[in-house]
């Protein structure tokens, strides 16, 4: 009887620890431009050195996915419908990163500072 009780206790402890926040991927926040995964960091750029909206939409129409260009890397953004409205914009994305994909929790435009407008 004691052996069964000990096994039950061990199983319960494993379940509790396995479902703790330590076992789950943590949300991260990245800032960058919404581009497409085909062109990525080589996307055509505008005079303002931002990704070209027409290029992004053309690539997505041909099967590419919306992605976040942050640093030297492009992450796929999921769900795609959340990213579409921010194409070619500088954004802050918070979500869980799995491999090369960001599962969006929030996405919002980055406000231009007063210094960058002069």
N, C-alpha and C. Protein backbone atom coordinates (compact mmCIF):
# COMPACT_ATOMS: atom_id res chain seq x y z
N UNK A 1 0.82 -1.20 0.00
CA UNK A 1 0.00 0.00 0.00
C UNK A 1 0.87 1.26 0.00
N UNK A 2 1.92 1.25 0.81
CA UNK A 2 2.80 2.42 0.87
C UNK A 2 3.46 2.68 -0.48
N UNK A 3 3.81 1.62 -1.19
CA UNK A 3 4.46 1.75 -2.49
C UNK A 3 3.52 2.46 -3.47
N UNK A 4 2.26 2.10 -3.51
CA UNK A 4 1.27 2.73 -4.39
C UNK A 4 1.08 4.20 -4.02
N UNK A 5 1.05 4.50 -2.72
CA UNK A 5 0.90 5.87 -2.26
C UNK A 5 2.09 6.71 -2.72
N UNK A 6 3.30 6.19 -2.60
CA UNK A 6 4.50 6.90 -3.01
C UNK A 6 4.49 7.14 -4.52
N UNK A 7 4.12 6.15 -5.29
CA UNK A 7 4.05 6.30 -6.76
C UNK A 7 3.01 7.36 -7.13
N UNK A 8 1.89 7.36 -6.46
CA UNK A 8 0.85 8.36 -6.70
C UNK A 8 1.34 9.77 -6.39
N UNK A 9 2.05 9.90 -5.27
CA UNK A 9 2.61 11.20 -4.88
C UNK A 9 3.64 11.67 -5.90
N UNK A 10 4.49 10.78 -6.34
CA UNK A 10 5.50 11.11 -7.34
C UNK A 10 4.85 11.54 -8.66
N UNK A 11 3.82 10.83 -9.08
CA UNK A 11 3.10 11.16 -10.31
C UNK A 11 2.45 12.54 -10.19
N UNK A 12 1.82 12.82 -9.06
CA UNK A 12 1.17 14.12 -8.84
C UNK A 12 2.18 15.26 -8.87
N UNK A 13 3.32 15.07 -8.24
CA UNK A 13 4.36 16.10 -8.22
C UNK A 13 4.88 16.36 -9.63
N UNK A 14 5.04 15.31 -10.41
CA UNK A 14 5.51 15.46 -11.79
C UNK A 14 4.50 16.24 -12.62
N UNK A 15 3.23 15.96 -12.46
CA UNK A 15 2.18 16.67 -13.20
C UNK A 15 2.16 18.15 -12.84
N UNK A 16 2.26 18.45 -11.55
CA UNK A 16 2.24 19.84 -11.10
C UNK A 16 3.46 20.59 -11.63
N UNK A 17 4.63 20.02 -11.51
CA UNK A 17 5.84 20.68 -11.99
C UNK A 17 5.86 20.79 -13.50
N UNK A 18 5.34 19.81 -14.20
CA UNK A 18 5.32 19.83 -15.66
C UNK A 18 4.39 20.89 -16.21
N UNK A 19 3.39 21.29 -15.45
CA UNK A 19 2.45 22.30 -15.93
C UNK A 19 2.76 23.69 -15.41
N UNK A 20 3.88 23.84 -14.73
CA UNK A 20 4.24 25.15 -14.18
C UNK A 20 4.67 26.10 -15.29
N UNK A 21 4.77 27.37 -14.96
CA UNK A 21 5.18 28.37 -15.95
C UNK A 21 6.59 28.16 -16.44
N UNK A 22 7.40 27.44 -15.69
CA UNK A 22 8.77 27.18 -16.12
C UNK A 22 8.82 26.27 -17.34
N UNK A 23 7.82 25.44 -17.52
CA UNK A 23 7.81 24.50 -18.64
C UNK A 23 7.26 25.14 -19.91
N UNK A 24 6.63 26.27 -19.80
CA UNK A 24 6.02 26.93 -20.97
C UNK A 24 6.97 27.96 -21.56
N UNK A 25 6.93 28.10 -22.91
CA UNK A 25 7.76 29.16 -23.51
C UNK A 25 7.29 30.53 -23.02
N UNK A 26 8.21 31.40 -22.73
CA UNK A 26 7.87 32.73 -22.26
C UNK A 26 7.64 33.66 -23.43
N UNK A 27 6.81 34.66 -23.23
CA UNK A 27 6.59 35.65 -24.28
C UNK A 27 7.79 36.58 -24.35
N UNK A 28 8.09 36.97 -25.58
CA UNK A 28 9.18 37.91 -25.83
C UNK A 28 8.63 39.07 -26.63
N UNK A 29 9.32 40.20 -26.58
CA UNK A 29 8.93 41.37 -27.36
C UNK A 29 10.07 41.73 -28.30
N UNK A 30 9.74 41.86 -29.58
CA UNK A 30 10.71 42.25 -30.60
C UNK A 30 10.16 43.45 -31.36
N UNK A 31 11.06 44.29 -31.84
CA UNK A 31 10.69 45.44 -32.64
C UNK A 31 11.33 45.29 -34.02
N UNK A 32 10.58 45.66 -35.04
CA UNK A 32 11.11 45.59 -36.40
C UNK A 32 10.03 45.93 -37.41
N UNK A 33 10.35 45.70 -38.68
CA UNK A 33 9.41 46.00 -39.76
C UNK A 33 8.70 44.73 -40.21
N UNK A 34 7.40 44.88 -40.51
CA UNK A 34 6.66 43.77 -41.09
C UNK A 34 7.00 43.73 -42.57
N UNK A 35 7.58 42.63 -42.98
CA UNK A 35 7.98 42.42 -44.37
C UNK A 35 7.40 41.08 -44.81
N UNK A 36 7.98 40.47 -45.83
CA UNK A 36 7.54 39.14 -46.23
C UNK A 36 8.71 38.17 -46.13
N UNK A 37 8.41 36.89 -46.04
CA UNK A 37 9.45 35.90 -45.84
C UNK A 37 10.22 35.58 -47.12
N UNK A 38 9.71 35.96 -48.28
CA UNK A 38 10.43 35.72 -49.53
C UNK A 38 11.59 36.71 -49.66
N UNK A 39 11.30 37.98 -49.55
CA UNK A 39 12.34 39.01 -49.68
C UNK A 39 13.12 39.18 -48.38
N UNK A 40 12.42 39.07 -47.27
CA UNK A 40 13.07 39.18 -45.96
C UNK A 40 13.84 40.46 -45.80
N UNK A 41 15.12 40.35 -45.49
CA UNK A 41 15.95 41.53 -45.27
C UNK A 41 16.41 42.15 -46.58
N UNK A 42 16.12 41.51 -47.71
CA UNK A 42 16.49 42.05 -49.02
C UNK A 42 15.31 42.69 -49.73
N UNK A 43 14.26 43.00 -48.99
CA UNK A 43 13.07 43.60 -49.56
C UNK A 43 13.42 44.95 -50.20
N UNK A 44 12.75 45.26 -51.29
CA UNK A 44 12.93 46.59 -51.88
C UNK A 44 12.58 47.61 -50.80
N UNK A 45 13.31 48.70 -50.80
CA UNK A 45 13.06 49.72 -49.78
C UNK A 45 12.66 51.03 -50.43
N UNK A 46 11.98 51.84 -49.64
CA UNK A 46 11.55 53.16 -50.09
C UNK A 46 12.68 54.16 -49.84
N UNK A 47 12.45 55.41 -50.21
CA UNK A 47 13.44 56.46 -49.95
C UNK A 47 13.73 56.60 -48.46
N UNK A 48 12.74 56.28 -47.63
CA UNK A 48 12.90 56.37 -46.18
C UNK A 48 13.61 55.13 -45.61
N UNK A 49 14.09 54.25 -46.50
CA UNK A 49 14.79 53.02 -46.11
C UNK A 49 13.91 52.07 -45.30
N UNK A 50 12.62 52.03 -45.63
CA UNK A 50 11.69 51.08 -45.02
C UNK A 50 11.24 50.10 -46.10
N UNK A 51 10.75 48.93 -45.72
CA UNK A 51 10.30 47.97 -46.73
C UNK A 51 9.19 48.55 -47.61
N UNK A 52 9.20 48.17 -48.87
CA UNK A 52 8.24 48.67 -49.85
C UNK A 52 6.93 47.89 -49.74
N UNK A 53 5.84 48.58 -49.47
CA UNK A 53 4.54 47.96 -49.27
C UNK A 53 4.10 47.18 -50.51
N UNK A 54 4.29 47.75 -51.69
CA UNK A 54 3.86 47.07 -52.92
C UNK A 54 4.61 45.75 -53.11
N UNK A 55 5.90 45.76 -52.83
CA UNK A 55 6.72 44.55 -52.94
C UNK A 55 6.23 43.48 -51.97
N UNK A 56 5.97 43.87 -50.74
CA UNK A 56 5.51 42.93 -49.72
C UNK A 56 4.19 42.31 -50.14
N UNK A 57 3.23 43.14 -50.54
CA UNK A 57 1.91 42.62 -50.93
C UNK A 57 2.01 41.71 -52.15
N UNK A 58 2.87 42.05 -53.10
CA UNK A 58 3.05 41.23 -54.30
C UNK A 58 3.61 39.86 -53.89
N UNK A 59 4.60 39.83 -53.02
CA UNK A 59 5.20 38.57 -52.59
C UNK A 59 4.21 37.71 -51.80
N UNK A 60 3.44 38.34 -50.91
CA UNK A 60 2.45 37.60 -50.13
C UNK A 60 1.36 37.04 -51.05
N UNK A 61 0.99 37.80 -52.05
CA UNK A 61 -0.02 37.34 -53.01
C UNK A 61 0.48 36.09 -53.76
N UNK A 62 1.80 36.01 -53.94
CA UNK A 62 2.39 34.87 -54.66
C UNK A 62 2.72 33.70 -53.72
N UNK A 63 2.38 33.81 -52.43
CA UNK A 63 2.55 32.68 -51.52
C UNK A 63 3.51 32.89 -50.36
N UNK A 64 4.20 34.02 -50.34
CA UNK A 64 5.08 34.31 -49.21
C UNK A 64 4.23 34.61 -47.98
N UNK A 65 4.85 34.65 -46.81
CA UNK A 65 4.13 34.97 -45.58
C UNK A 65 4.63 36.29 -45.02
N UNK A 66 3.77 36.93 -44.24
CA UNK A 66 4.20 38.13 -43.53
C UNK A 66 5.19 37.71 -42.45
N UNK A 67 6.23 38.53 -42.28
CA UNK A 67 7.24 38.23 -41.29
C UNK A 67 7.72 39.49 -40.61
N UNK A 68 8.39 39.32 -39.49
CA UNK A 68 8.96 40.45 -38.76
C UNK A 68 10.46 40.48 -39.03
N UNK A 69 10.93 41.58 -39.60
CA UNK A 69 12.35 41.80 -39.86
C UNK A 69 12.91 42.51 -38.64
N UNK A 70 13.63 41.77 -37.81
CA UNK A 70 14.19 42.31 -36.58
C UNK A 70 15.67 41.94 -36.54
N UNK A 71 16.54 42.94 -36.55
CA UNK A 71 17.97 42.68 -36.62
C UNK A 71 18.31 42.10 -37.99
N UNK A 72 19.00 40.97 -38.01
CA UNK A 72 19.36 40.31 -39.26
C UNK A 72 18.50 39.09 -39.54
N UNK A 73 17.36 39.00 -38.88
CA UNK A 73 16.52 37.81 -38.99
C UNK A 73 15.09 38.19 -39.34
N UNK A 74 14.43 37.29 -40.07
CA UNK A 74 13.01 37.46 -40.38
C UNK A 74 12.26 36.29 -39.76
N UNK A 75 11.29 36.61 -38.90
CA UNK A 75 10.45 35.61 -38.26
C UNK A 75 9.10 35.58 -38.96
N UNK A 76 8.53 34.41 -39.14
CA UNK A 76 7.16 34.28 -39.65
C UNK A 76 6.23 34.76 -38.55
N UNK A 77 5.21 35.52 -38.93
CA UNK A 77 4.23 36.01 -37.96
C UNK A 77 2.94 35.20 -38.08
N UNK A 78 2.46 34.69 -36.99
CA UNK A 78 1.21 33.94 -36.96
C UNK A 78 0.32 34.49 -35.86
N UNK A 79 -0.95 34.68 -36.09
CA UNK A 79 -1.66 34.45 -37.33
C UNK A 79 -1.38 35.57 -38.35
N UNK A 80 -1.38 35.19 -39.60
CA UNK A 80 -1.09 36.11 -40.69
C UNK A 80 -2.07 37.28 -40.75
N UNK A 81 -3.32 37.03 -40.41
CA UNK A 81 -4.33 38.09 -40.47
C UNK A 81 -4.00 39.23 -39.51
N UNK A 82 -3.34 38.93 -38.39
CA UNK A 82 -2.96 39.98 -37.45
C UNK A 82 -1.83 40.84 -38.00
N UNK A 83 -0.97 40.26 -38.82
CA UNK A 83 0.20 40.97 -39.35
C UNK A 83 -0.13 41.79 -40.60
N UNK A 84 -1.12 41.38 -41.37
CA UNK A 84 -1.40 41.99 -42.68
C UNK A 84 -1.59 43.50 -42.62
N UNK A 85 -2.29 43.99 -41.64
CA UNK A 85 -2.58 45.43 -41.55
C UNK A 85 -1.35 46.27 -41.22
N UNK A 86 -0.25 45.62 -40.83
CA UNK A 86 0.96 46.34 -40.46
C UNK A 86 2.08 46.20 -41.50
N UNK A 87 1.75 45.72 -42.68
CA UNK A 87 2.76 45.52 -43.73
C UNK A 87 3.55 46.81 -43.96
N UNK A 88 4.87 46.69 -43.97
CA UNK A 88 5.83 47.78 -44.21
C UNK A 88 5.93 48.78 -43.06
N UNK A 89 5.30 48.47 -41.94
CA UNK A 89 5.34 49.38 -40.79
C UNK A 89 6.30 48.88 -39.72
N UNK A 90 6.84 49.82 -38.95
CA UNK A 90 7.68 49.51 -37.81
C UNK A 90 6.76 49.17 -36.64
N UNK A 91 6.93 47.97 -36.08
CA UNK A 91 6.02 47.49 -35.05
C UNK A 91 6.76 46.91 -33.86
N UNK A 92 6.01 46.75 -32.78
CA UNK A 92 6.48 46.03 -31.60
C UNK A 92 5.56 44.81 -31.47
N UNK A 93 6.16 43.62 -31.49
CA UNK A 93 5.40 42.38 -31.42
C UNK A 93 5.75 41.64 -30.14
N UNK A 94 4.73 41.25 -29.41
CA UNK A 94 4.92 40.42 -28.23
C UNK A 94 4.25 39.08 -28.50
N UNK A 95 4.97 38.01 -28.22
CA UNK A 95 4.42 36.68 -28.45
C UNK A 95 5.42 35.61 -28.10
N UNK A 96 5.02 34.38 -28.33
CA UNK A 96 5.89 33.24 -28.07
C UNK A 96 6.62 32.88 -29.35
N UNK A 97 7.92 32.69 -29.24
CA UNK A 97 8.74 32.34 -30.39
C UNK A 97 8.99 30.83 -30.36
N UNK A 98 8.61 30.19 -31.45
CA UNK A 98 8.85 28.76 -31.63
C UNK A 98 9.62 28.61 -32.93
N UNK A 99 10.89 28.26 -32.84
CA UNK A 99 11.72 28.16 -34.05
C UNK A 99 11.86 29.53 -34.69
N UNK A 100 11.39 29.65 -35.93
CA UNK A 100 11.44 30.92 -36.66
C UNK A 100 10.07 31.60 -36.74
N UNK A 101 9.15 31.21 -35.86
CA UNK A 101 7.79 31.74 -35.89
C UNK A 101 7.46 32.46 -34.59
N UNK A 102 6.86 33.64 -34.73
CA UNK A 102 6.35 34.36 -33.57
C UNK A 102 4.83 34.19 -33.56
N UNK A 103 4.31 33.64 -32.48
CA UNK A 103 2.87 33.50 -32.30
C UNK A 103 2.41 34.77 -31.58
N UNK A 104 1.78 35.65 -32.34
CA UNK A 104 1.46 37.01 -31.88
C UNK A 104 0.46 37.00 -30.73
N UNK A 105 0.84 37.67 -29.65
CA UNK A 105 -0.09 37.98 -28.56
C UNK A 105 -0.59 39.40 -28.78
N UNK A 106 0.36 40.33 -29.04
CA UNK A 106 0.01 41.71 -29.37
C UNK A 106 0.96 42.21 -30.46
N UNK A 107 0.44 43.10 -31.28
CA UNK A 107 1.25 43.78 -32.29
C UNK A 107 0.74 45.21 -32.38
N UNK A 108 1.67 46.16 -32.32
CA UNK A 108 1.29 47.56 -32.35
C UNK A 108 2.37 48.37 -33.05
N UNK A 109 1.96 49.47 -33.70
CA UNK A 109 2.96 50.30 -34.39
C UNK A 109 3.87 51.00 -33.40
N UNK A 110 5.11 51.20 -33.81
CA UNK A 110 6.08 51.96 -33.00
C UNK A 110 5.91 53.41 -33.39
N UNK A 111 5.69 54.25 -32.41
CA UNK A 111 5.51 55.67 -32.67
C UNK A 111 6.86 56.30 -32.98
N UNK A 112 6.90 57.10 -34.03
CA UNK A 112 8.13 57.82 -34.38
C UNK A 112 8.41 58.87 -33.32
N UNK A 113 9.66 58.96 -32.91
CA UNK A 113 10.02 59.96 -31.91
C UNK A 113 10.11 61.34 -32.57
N UNK A 114 10.01 62.38 -31.76
CA UNK A 114 10.08 63.75 -32.29
C UNK A 114 11.44 64.02 -32.92
N UNK A 115 12.50 63.39 -32.40
CA UNK A 115 13.84 63.59 -32.94
C UNK A 115 13.96 63.05 -34.36
N UNK A 116 13.28 61.93 -34.67
CA UNK A 116 13.42 61.31 -35.98
C UNK A 116 12.64 62.06 -37.06
N UNK A 117 11.80 63.02 -36.67
CA UNK A 117 11.01 63.75 -37.65
C UNK A 117 11.73 65.01 -38.12
N UNK A 118 12.87 65.35 -37.55
CA UNK A 118 13.58 66.57 -37.94
C UNK A 118 14.68 66.25 -38.90
